[in-house]
Amino acid sequence: MAHTCATCGSMADDPGHLCNPTESIISCSYCNAPDVSVNHICKEKLAAMKYSCESCGRVAADAAGVCRPVEIA
């Protein structure tokens, strides 16, 4: 079960990684799979990722989702 921080909105599978954790059920907004982990990657979600971070490699659907965006070719 995933947890969400009530203060900043960050998500993690382990509540110890959050400053103010609350337990919540997260469903995938791309494939609608119920109760997924924060690391869930489905075909639909992967296809929507257009940017990666030049620093850490994190991916996002828009440039605002990463700190040093580079468009994925």
N, C-alpha and C. Protein backbone atom coordinates (compact mmCIF):
# COMPACT_ATOMS: atom_id res chain seq x y z
N MET A 1 0.85 -1.17 0.00
CA MET A 1 0.00 0.00 0.00
C MET A 1 0.90 1.23 0.00
N ALA A 2 0.57 2.21 -0.80
CA ALA A 2 1.35 3.43 -0.91
C ALA A 2 0.93 4.43 0.17
N HIS A 3 1.81 5.36 0.44
CA HIS A 3 1.56 6.40 1.42
C HIS A 3 1.79 7.76 0.76
N THR A 4 1.02 8.75 1.19
CA THR A 4 1.14 10.12 0.69
C THR A 4 1.47 11.04 1.86
N CYS A 5 2.32 12.02 1.63
CA CYS A 5 2.64 12.99 2.66
C CYS A 5 1.52 14.03 2.72
N ALA A 6 0.91 14.20 3.88
CA ALA A 6 -0.18 15.16 4.04
C ALA A 6 0.34 16.60 3.96
N THR A 7 1.63 16.80 4.13
CA THR A 7 2.20 18.14 4.10
C THR A 7 2.57 18.58 2.69
N CYS A 8 3.35 17.75 1.97
CA CYS A 8 3.86 18.18 0.66
C CYS A 8 3.28 17.42 -0.52
N GLY A 9 2.58 16.30 -0.28
CA GLY A 9 1.96 15.55 -1.37
C GLY A 9 2.86 14.50 -2.00
N SER A 10 4.11 14.34 -1.54
CA SER A 10 4.99 13.31 -2.07
C SER A 10 4.42 11.93 -1.77
N MET A 11 4.80 10.94 -2.59
CA MET A 11 4.31 9.58 -2.39
C MET A 11 5.49 8.63 -2.22
N ALA A 12 5.30 7.58 -1.43
CA ALA A 12 6.31 6.55 -1.21
C ALA A 12 5.63 5.27 -0.75
N ASP A 13 6.26 4.13 -1.04
CA ASP A 13 5.75 2.86 -0.57
C ASP A 13 6.03 2.66 0.92
N ASP A 14 7.12 3.25 1.40
CA ASP A 14 7.52 3.14 2.80
C ASP A 14 7.20 4.46 3.51
N PRO A 15 6.35 4.45 4.54
CA PRO A 15 5.98 5.70 5.20
C PRO A 15 7.15 6.40 5.88
N GLY A 16 8.23 5.68 6.14
CA GLY A 16 9.40 6.27 6.78
C GLY A 16 10.11 7.28 5.91
N HIS A 17 9.79 7.30 4.62
CA HIS A 17 10.43 8.24 3.70
C HIS A 17 9.66 9.56 3.59
N LEU A 18 8.58 9.71 4.34
CA LEU A 18 7.74 10.90 4.28
C LEU A 18 7.71 11.61 5.63
N CYS A 19 7.54 12.95 5.60
CA CYS A 19 7.53 13.70 6.85
C CYS A 19 6.19 13.60 7.59
N ASN A 20 5.07 13.43 6.87
CA ASN A 20 3.75 13.35 7.48
C ASN A 20 2.90 12.34 6.70
N PRO A 21 3.22 11.03 6.82
CA PRO A 21 2.58 10.02 5.98
C PRO A 21 1.12 9.73 6.32
N THR A 22 0.34 9.48 5.29
CA THR A 22 -1.02 8.97 5.42
C THR A 22 -1.13 7.79 4.47
N GLU A 23 -1.83 6.77 4.85
CA GLU A 23 -2.01 5.59 4.00
C GLU A 23 -3.12 5.87 3.01
N SER A 24 -2.88 5.56 1.75
CA SER A 24 -3.90 5.78 0.73
C SER A 24 -3.80 4.72 -0.35
N ILE A 25 -4.90 4.51 -1.04
CA ILE A 25 -4.92 3.59 -2.17
C ILE A 25 -4.71 4.42 -3.42
N ILE A 26 -3.67 4.10 -4.17
CA ILE A 26 -3.35 4.83 -5.38
C ILE A 26 -3.69 3.96 -6.58
N SER A 27 -4.50 4.49 -7.49
CA SER A 27 -4.76 3.78 -8.73
C SER A 27 -4.04 4.52 -9.85
N CYS A 28 -3.66 3.79 -10.88
CA CYS A 28 -2.91 4.36 -11.99
C CYS A 28 -3.83 5.24 -12.83
N SER A 29 -3.42 6.48 -13.05
CA SER A 29 -4.23 7.40 -13.85
C SER A 29 -4.08 7.14 -15.35
N TYR A 30 -3.17 6.24 -15.73
CA TYR A 30 -2.98 5.91 -17.14
C TYR A 30 -3.71 4.63 -17.54
N CYS A 31 -3.62 3.57 -16.72
CA CYS A 31 -4.24 2.29 -17.08
C CYS A 31 -5.37 1.88 -16.13
N ASN A 32 -5.61 2.69 -15.09
CA ASN A 32 -6.66 2.45 -14.08
C ASN A 32 -6.47 1.20 -13.25
N ALA A 33 -5.26 0.67 -13.19
CA ALA A 33 -5.00 -0.48 -12.32
C ALA A 33 -5.17 -0.03 -10.87
N PRO A 34 -5.88 -0.81 -10.06
CA PRO A 34 -6.11 -0.42 -8.66
C PRO A 34 -4.91 -0.73 -7.77
N ASP A 35 -4.75 0.05 -6.72
CA ASP A 35 -3.76 -0.18 -5.66
C ASP A 35 -2.36 -0.45 -6.20
N VAL A 36 -1.78 0.50 -6.92
CA VAL A 36 -0.44 0.34 -7.48
C VAL A 36 0.58 1.01 -6.57
N SER A 37 1.83 0.61 -6.71
CA SER A 37 2.90 1.24 -5.93
C SER A 37 3.31 2.53 -6.63
N VAL A 38 4.09 3.35 -5.97
CA VAL A 38 4.54 4.60 -6.57
C VAL A 38 5.50 4.35 -7.72
N ASN A 39 6.06 3.16 -7.81
CA ASN A 39 6.99 2.81 -8.88
C ASN A 39 6.31 2.11 -10.06
N HIS A 40 4.99 2.05 -10.07
CA HIS A 40 4.24 1.39 -11.13
C HIS A 40 4.50 2.05 -12.49
N ILE A 41 4.90 1.26 -13.46
CA ILE A 41 5.08 1.72 -14.84
C ILE A 41 4.32 0.76 -15.75
N CYS A 42 3.33 1.31 -16.46
CA CYS A 42 2.58 0.52 -17.43
C CYS A 42 2.90 1.05 -18.83
N LYS A 43 2.46 0.36 -19.88
CA LYS A 43 2.74 0.80 -21.24
C LYS A 43 2.22 2.21 -21.50
N GLU A 44 1.01 2.49 -21.01
CA GLU A 44 0.41 3.80 -21.24
C GLU A 44 1.21 4.92 -20.56
N LYS A 45 1.64 4.68 -19.33
CA LYS A 45 2.41 5.67 -18.59
C LYS A 45 3.77 5.88 -19.23
N LEU A 46 4.42 4.81 -19.61
CA LEU A 46 5.73 4.91 -20.23
C LEU A 46 5.66 5.70 -21.54
N ALA A 47 4.61 5.48 -22.32
CA ALA A 47 4.44 6.19 -23.59
C ALA A 47 4.23 7.68 -23.37
N ALA A 48 3.67 8.08 -22.23
CA ALA A 48 3.40 9.49 -21.94
C ALA A 48 4.63 10.26 -21.47
N MET A 49 5.69 9.58 -21.08
CA MET A 49 6.89 10.24 -20.57
C MET A 49 7.67 10.86 -21.73
N LYS A 50 7.83 12.17 -21.69
CA LYS A 50 8.47 12.91 -22.79
C LYS A 50 9.78 13.58 -22.38
N TYR A 51 10.05 13.67 -21.08
CA TYR A 51 11.26 14.35 -20.60
C TYR A 51 11.98 13.50 -19.56
N SER A 52 13.30 13.64 -19.52
CA SER A 52 14.09 13.02 -18.46
C SER A 52 14.94 14.10 -17.82
N CYS A 53 15.36 13.87 -16.59
CA CYS A 53 16.20 14.83 -15.88
C CYS A 53 17.65 14.54 -16.21
N GLU A 54 18.36 15.57 -16.62
CA GLU A 54 19.77 15.44 -16.97
C GLU A 54 20.62 15.09 -15.75
N SER A 55 20.14 15.42 -14.55
CA SER A 55 20.89 15.16 -13.32
C SER A 55 20.68 13.76 -12.76
N CYS A 56 19.39 13.38 -12.55
CA CYS A 56 19.11 12.13 -11.85
C CYS A 56 18.48 11.04 -12.72
N GLY A 57 17.99 11.39 -13.91
CA GLY A 57 17.40 10.39 -14.79
C GLY A 57 15.91 10.18 -14.61
N ARG A 58 15.29 10.90 -13.66
CA ARG A 58 13.84 10.78 -13.46
C ARG A 58 13.12 11.18 -14.74
N VAL A 59 11.99 10.55 -15.03
CA VAL A 59 11.22 10.88 -16.23
C VAL A 59 9.90 11.54 -15.85
N ALA A 60 9.36 12.35 -16.77
CA ALA A 60 8.11 13.06 -16.53
C ALA A 60 7.39 13.30 -17.85
N ALA A 61 6.10 13.51 -17.76
CA ALA A 61 5.29 13.78 -18.95
C ALA A 61 5.49 15.20 -19.44
N ASP A 62 5.85 16.12 -18.55
CA ASP A 62 6.09 17.50 -18.97
C ASP A 62 7.39 18.01 -18.34
N ALA A 63 7.94 19.06 -18.91
CA ALA A 63 9.23 19.58 -18.47
C ALA A 63 9.23 20.06 -17.03
N ALA A 64 8.09 20.49 -16.53
CA ALA A 64 8.01 20.98 -15.15
C ALA A 64 8.16 19.86 -14.12
N GLY A 65 8.06 18.62 -14.54
CA GLY A 65 8.15 17.48 -13.62
C GLY A 65 9.56 17.06 -13.27
N VAL A 66 10.58 17.65 -13.91
CA VAL A 66 11.97 17.33 -13.61
C VAL A 66 12.76 18.63 -13.49
N CYS A 67 13.88 18.60 -12.75
CA CYS A 67 14.62 19.84 -12.49
C CYS A 67 15.51 20.27 -13.66
N ARG A 68 16.07 19.33 -14.41
CA ARG A 68 16.91 19.67 -15.57
C ARG A 68 16.38 18.88 -16.77
N PRO A 69 15.28 19.34 -17.37
CA PRO A 69 14.62 18.57 -18.42
C PRO A 69 15.39 18.47 -19.73
N VAL A 70 15.38 17.27 -20.29
CA VAL A 70 15.92 16.99 -21.62
C VAL A 70 14.83 16.17 -22.31
N GLU A 71 14.46 16.58 -23.52
CA GLU A 71 13.40 15.87 -24.24
C GLU A 71 13.90 14.49 -24.66
N ILE A 72 13.07 13.49 -24.44
CA ILE A 72 13.39 12.12 -24.82
C ILE A 72 13.13 11.97 -26.31
N ALA A 73 14.12 11.51 -27.04
CA ALA A 73 13.96 11.37 -28.51
C ALA A 73 13.23 10.11 -28.88
